[in-house]
Amino acid sequence: MSKATAPQLDPVKAQPGRPLYKIVKQALIDAIERGTFKPGARLPSTKELSRQMSVSLVTAHRALQELVQGGVLERTQGRGTFVIERSRRAAPRYKLAVVMQPDASMADFYHSQLFEGMRQAAQDKQVELMIARQQQDPTGGADGVLAINPTTDDLASLQERMNREQTLAVVGARSTVDGVASFDVDNTDLATQAVQHLTRLGHERIAYVGGANELSNSRDRRDGFVAACERFKLIAGSCAQLEASGWRLDERERMQLSRLLNDRPRPTAVFAGGYYLALDIYEVAASLGLRVPEDLSVVGVDNPPSSSYLSPALTTFSQPLIEVGQHAVNAVVEHLLRDDEGPHDHILRAELLIRASSSAPPKD
């Protein structure tokens, strides 16, 4: 009878901005979850894991150490490291409710990146995440609530339903309530960077197409755009704006954009306040016979993998969404542990990725 082949792990790949030991740790968790290492199974030695996963002994050791501390693995002197039965694993220290807008999808790039950051931090901190919609009551049984991109009314409603022992924080938006911390990207700065990039290329007539202004990140991008137009001394009336009702243009809004791009003199560049809005601009421009970027430069927001495969590749902003999600969970948990005055705002900066969709304006 042949001897069973020992499970083999694939080498891991480095990821920008993420420690290698965390990548190894996640790979081991994934292997356990898919049954490569079943409950009670012994893992390969640290030396063997480092060989299989192409990392140093120190990296492999730290990943194993964190899994032991997290209650996923246990070490027995002289025997090795074993997977703990799920029923014996340590119970979560806290429960956090993640509240999303009714029309938000975990499948889109923006929300999936935020949630991935929350998931990573929750795993490290032994925290259970519960997903809820705004119209539901997410506060029951939760130690804290993380509201993703809420409106002012949504935030007020959540606060009314929470008790004093629960902690509320806003993720992916700017809080409009005193004492409620925000974990977000600096959207005003993001818009300033966009206008600065386009004016340096020589554009003097720039349009802004943004999402609904009831959301703070849309308002901040719009206000940042208006302030940047003044700062860079663009001609009065040359910075047109179009507010969409959602994250895609409906038929009426597409007609408005068509009229805007047919004006004389028309905009030579558009700053799109979202990735899907940038896609809509590409489509409307093509229907009018305008070439990107020869006739119309486009700058977007968010950097899903498809953005670099558009024709032409989209100049856009890479938002550190995973880091935003991580900071939110970490700060709320630290507040719960210390019982201090509350988490504080943590605002990160987006990075402009210059690609082929932006260039100098056409010559008159």
Foldseek 3Di string as FASTA:
>chain_A
DDDDDQQAFAAFDDDPPDDPLLRLLVSVVVCDVVPSADAFRFDDDLVRSCVRRVHDSVSSVVSLVLCCVQQQWPADPPPHIGGHDPVPGDAAPFEEEEEEEPPDDCPDPQNVLLVLLQVSLCSSRSYHYHYYYLVDLRAPRGQEYEYEQDFQVSVVVNVVSHDPRYAYEYFQACDPDPLHAYQHAQLLVQLLVVLVVQVVLPFQAEEEEFEDVSGHSRVSNVVSNVVNNVVVVRDPPRYHYQYADHLAHDPVSLVVVLVQCVDVVHGLEYEYEADNNQVSVCVSCVVVVHDFNARYAYEYEDDDPCQVVPVNRHFYWHTSSSVSSNVVNVQQVVCSVVVDSGGHYDYHYIDTDDTRRHHHHHDD
